[in-house]
């Protein structure tokens, strides 16, 4: 007993520390999943943008058949993936910032949907 304070319950402290560590691990895992999902979204967006841009250009003799279309489909998909992995056009960062901003707004005590009514 320390100056009138009851004995320190180590089990409560251990459970609290373990709980906060578990929350941190879950939050990091969620952040990793969000990062991966936003990068995949940016990859898809860049691939689709390349596909649409390619449709505005006249086709050559070698690519005006189904095999040429299939080649460019895979090519655009790979370019989209590589672009997103190397930083892309910033869409992934924007999506992550928007999600973080929405989560902060959802946790805000001034938000009437999440605040506790007395």
C-alpha atoms as a PDB file:
ATOM      1  CA  UNK A   1       0.000   0.000   0.000  1.00  0.00           C
ATOM      2  CA  UNK A   2       1.380   3.410  -0.983  1.00  0.00           C
ATOM      3  CA  UNK A   3       0.218   6.417   1.087  1.00  0.00           C
ATOM      4  CA  UNK A   4      -3.358   5.258   1.482  1.00  0.00           C
ATOM      5  CA  UNK A   5      -3.692   3.991  -2.080  1.00  0.00           C
ATOM      6  CA  UNK A   6      -4.650   0.350  -2.314  1.00  0.00           C
ATOM      7  CA  UNK A   7      -2.266  -2.334  -3.520  1.00  0.00           C
ATOM      8  CA  UNK A   8      -1.387  -2.185  -7.170  1.00  0.00           C
ATOM      9  CA  UNK A   9      -3.264  -4.793  -9.134  1.00  0.00           C
ATOM     10  CA  UNK A  10      -0.803  -6.065 -11.676  1.00  0.00           C
ATOM     11  CA  UNK A  11      -3.392  -8.108 -13.550  1.00  0.00           C
ATOM     12  CA  UNK A  12      -5.425  -4.973 -14.354  1.00  0.00           C
ATOM     13  CA  UNK A  13      -2.299  -3.125 -15.537  1.00  0.00           C
ATOM     14  CA  UNK A  14      -1.199  -6.114 -17.640  1.00  0.00           C
ATOM     15  CA  UNK A  15      -4.657  -6.436 -19.217  1.00  0.00           C
ATOM     16  CA  UNK A  16      -4.764  -2.709 -19.987  1.00  0.00           C
ATOM     17  CA  UNK A  17      -1.311  -2.777 -21.583  1.00  0.00           C
ATOM     18  CA  UNK A  18      -2.130  -5.905 -23.571  1.00  0.00           C
ATOM     19  CA  UNK A  19      -5.412  -4.351 -24.715  1.00  0.00           C
ATOM     20  CA  UNK A  20      -3.754  -1.140 -25.874  1.00  0.00           C
ATOM     21  CA  UNK A  21      -1.022  -3.098 -27.676  1.00  0.00           C
ATOM     22  CA  UNK A  22      -3.666  -5.221 -29.377  1.00  0.00           C
ATOM     23  CA  UNK A  23      -5.541  -2.057 -30.420  1.00  0.00           C
ATOM     24  CA  UNK A  24      -2.321  -0.661 -31.903  1.00  0.00           C
ATOM     25  CA  UNK A  25      -1.679  -3.871 -33.835  1.00  0.00           C
ATOM     26  CA  UNK A  26      -5.254  -3.910 -35.160  1.00  0.00           C
ATOM     27  CA  UNK A  27      -4.968  -0.258 -36.160  1.00  0.00           C
ATOM     28  CA  UNK A  28      -1.692  -0.894 -38.009  1.00  0.00           C
ATOM     29  CA  UNK A  29      -3.216  -3.885 -39.797  1.00  0.00           C
ATOM     30  CA  UNK A  30      -6.249  -1.801 -40.801  1.00  0.00           C
ATOM     31  CA  UNK A  31      -3.980   0.987 -42.020  1.00  0.00           C
ATOM     32  CA  UNK A  32      -2.013  -1.541 -44.089  1.00  0.00           C
ATOM     33  CA  UNK A  33      -5.221  -2.913 -45.610  1.00  0.00           C
ATOM     34  CA  UNK A  34      -6.408   0.606 -46.443  1.00  0.00           C
ATOM     35  CA  UNK A  35      -3.062   1.438 -47.999  1.00  0.00           C
ATOM     36  CA  UNK A  36      -3.129  -1.703 -50.130  1.00  0.00           C
ATOM     37  CA  UNK A  37      -6.751  -1.106 -51.183  1.00  0.00           C
ATOM     38  CA  UNK A  38      -6.083   2.517 -52.117  1.00  0.00           C
ATOM     39  CA  UNK A  39      -3.039   1.461 -54.130  1.00  0.00           C
ATOM     40  CA  UNK A  40      -5.102  -1.171 -55.969  1.00  0.00           C
ATOM     41  CA  UNK A  41      -7.772   1.443 -56.680  1.00  0.00           C
ATOM     42  CA  UNK A  42      -5.155   3.790 -58.112  1.00  0.00           C
ATOM     43  CA  UNK A  43      -3.740   0.930 -60.191  1.00  0.00           C
ATOM     44  CA  UNK A  44      -7.178   0.180 -61.624  1.00  0.00           C
ATOM     45  CA  UNK A  45      -7.822   3.874 -62.295  1.00  0.00           C
ATOM     46  CA  UNK A  46      -4.528   4.333 -64.165  1.00  0.00           C
ATOM     47  CA  UNK A  47      -5.136   1.129 -66.173  1.00  0.00           C
ATOM     48  CA  UNK A  48      -8.613   2.278 -67.146  1.00  0.00           C
ATOM     49  CA  UNK A  49      -7.340   5.731 -68.041  1.00  0.00           C
ATOM     50  CA  UNK A  50      -4.728   4.173 -70.335  1.00  0.00           C
ATOM     51  CA  UNK A  51      -7.385   1.976 -71.949  1.00  0.00           C
ATOM     52  CA  UNK A  52      -9.646   4.959 -72.645  1.00  0.00           C
ATOM     53  CA  UNK A  53      -6.737   7.041 -73.928  1.00  0.00           C
ATOM     54  CA  UNK A  54      -5.709   4.201 -76.241  1.00  0.00           C
ATOM     55  CA  UNK A  55      -9.210   4.159 -77.756  1.00  0.00           C
ATOM     56  CA  UNK A  56      -8.673   7.711 -79.035  1.00  0.00           C
ATOM     57  CA  UNK A  57      -5.634   6.689 -81.092  1.00  0.00           C
ATOM     58  CA  UNK A  58      -6.071   4.974 -84.492  1.00  0.00           C
ATOM     59  CA  UNK A  59      -5.145   1.288 -84.362  1.00  0.00           C
ATOM     60  CA  UNK A  60      -2.229  -0.061 -86.347  1.00  0.00           C
ATOM     61  CA  UNK A  61      -2.260  -3.189 -88.465  1.00  0.00           C
ATOM     62  CA  UNK A  62      -0.603  -5.328 -85.807  1.00  0.00           C
ATOM     63  CA  UNK A  63      -2.959  -4.414 -82.977  1.00  0.00           C
ATOM     64  CA  UNK A  64      -6.312  -4.207 -84.750  1.00  0.00           C
ATOM     65  CA  UNK A  65      -7.277  -7.790 -83.810  1.00  0.00           C
ATOM     66  CA  UNK A  66      -8.336  -9.604 -80.618  1.00  0.00           C
ATOM     67  CA  UNK A  67      -4.773 -10.597 -79.740  1.00  0.00           C
ATOM     68  CA  UNK A  68      -3.614  -6.986 -79.942  1.00  0.00           C
ATOM     69  CA  UNK A  69      -6.520  -5.908 -77.724  1.00  0.00           C
ATOM     70  CA  UNK A  70      -5.642  -8.621 -75.216  1.00  0.00           C
ATOM     71  CA  UNK A  71      -1.972  -7.616 -75.248  1.00  0.00           C
ATOM     72  CA  UNK A  72      -2.787  -3.974 -74.573  1.00  0.00           C
ATOM     73  CA  UNK A  73      -5.267  -4.959 -71.878  1.00  0.00           C
ATOM     74  CA  UNK A  74      -2.537  -6.835 -69.960  1.00  0.00           C
ATOM     75  CA  UNK A  75      -0.001  -4.132 -70.774  1.00  0.00           C
ATOM     76  CA  UNK A  76      -2.223  -1.342 -69.432  1.00  0.00           C
ATOM     77  CA  UNK A  77      -2.952  -3.372 -66.292  1.00  0.00           C
ATOM     78  CA  UNK A  78       0.756  -3.905 -65.621  1.00  0.00           C
ATOM     79  CA  UNK A  79       1.602  -0.256 -66.283  1.00  0.00           C
ATOM     80  CA  UNK A  80      -1.167   0.728 -63.847  1.00  0.00           C
ATOM     81  CA  UNK A  81       0.251  -1.564 -61.150  1.00  0.00           C
ATOM     82  CA  UNK A  82       3.788  -0.303 -61.621  1.00  0.00           C
ATOM     83  CA  UNK A  83       2.641   3.317 -61.640  1.00  0.00           C
ATOM     84  CA  UNK A  84       0.684   2.867 -58.397  1.00  0.00           C
ATOM     85  CA  UNK A  85       3.617   1.079 -56.712  1.00  0.00           C
ATOM     86  CA  UNK A  86       6.026   3.871 -57.614  1.00  0.00           C
ATOM     87  CA  UNK A  87       3.848   6.651 -56.224  1.00  0.00           C
ATOM     88  CA  UNK A  88       1.367   6.962 -59.053  1.00  0.00           C
ATOM     89  CA  UNK A  89      -0.568  10.137 -59.626  1.00  0.00           C
ATOM     90  CA  UNK A  90      -1.373  10.791 -55.973  1.00  0.00           C
ATOM     91  CA  UNK A  91      -4.815   9.211 -55.979  1.00  0.00           C
ATOM     92  CA  UNK A  92      -3.860   6.633 -53.354  1.00  0.00           C
ATOM     93  CA  UNK A  93      -2.642   9.344 -50.972  1.00  0.00           C
ATOM     94  CA  UNK A  94      -5.813  11.333 -51.554  1.00  0.00           C
ATOM     95  CA  UNK A  95      -8.011   8.313 -50.791  1.00  0.00           C
ATOM     96  CA  UNK A  96      -6.071   7.587 -47.584  1.00  0.00           C
ATOM     97  CA  UNK A  97      -6.363  11.232 -46.487  1.00  0.00           C
ATOM     98  CA  UNK A  98     -10.105  11.232 -47.195  1.00  0.00           C
ATOM     99  CA  UNK A  99     -10.613   8.043 -45.183  1.00  0.00           C
ATOM    100  CA  UNK A 100      -8.578   9.447 -42.275  1.00  0.00           C
ATOM    101  CA  UNK A 101     -10.552  12.690 -42.393  1.00  0.00           C
ATOM    102  CA  UNK A 102     -13.851  10.773 -42.364  1.00  0.00           C
ATOM    103  CA  UNK A 103     -12.701   8.614 -39.446  1.00  0.00           C
ATOM    104  CA  UNK A 104     -11.693  11.740 -37.504  1.00  0.00           C
ATOM    105  CA  UNK A 105     -15.094  13.290 -38.180  1.00  0.00           C
ATOM    106  CA  UNK A 106     -16.837  10.098 -37.079  1.00  0.00           C
ATOM    107  CA  UNK A 107     -14.891  10.094 -33.776  1.00  0.00           C
ATOM    108  CA  UNK A 108     -15.442  13.801 -33.166  1.00  0.00           C
ATOM    109  CA  UNK A 109     -17.491  14.501 -30.004  1.00  0.00           C
ATOM    110  CA  UNK A 110     -19.332  17.276 -31.850  1.00  0.00           C
ATOM    111  CA  UNK A 111     -20.710  14.740 -34.312  1.00  0.00           C
ATOM    112  CA  UNK A 112     -24.331  14.185 -33.204  1.00  0.00           C
ATOM    113  CA  UNK A 113     -24.448  10.687 -34.671  1.00  0.00           C
ATOM    114  CA  UNK A 114     -21.673   9.390 -32.408  1.00  0.00           C
ATOM    115  CA  UNK A 115     -22.006  11.586 -29.344  1.00  0.00           C
ATOM    116  CA  UNK A 116     -23.601  10.120 -26.238  1.00  0.00           C
ATOM    117  CA  UNK A 117     -26.959  11.628 -25.321  1.00  0.00           C
ATOM    118  CA  UNK A 118     -27.605  12.269 -21.669  1.00  0.00           C
END
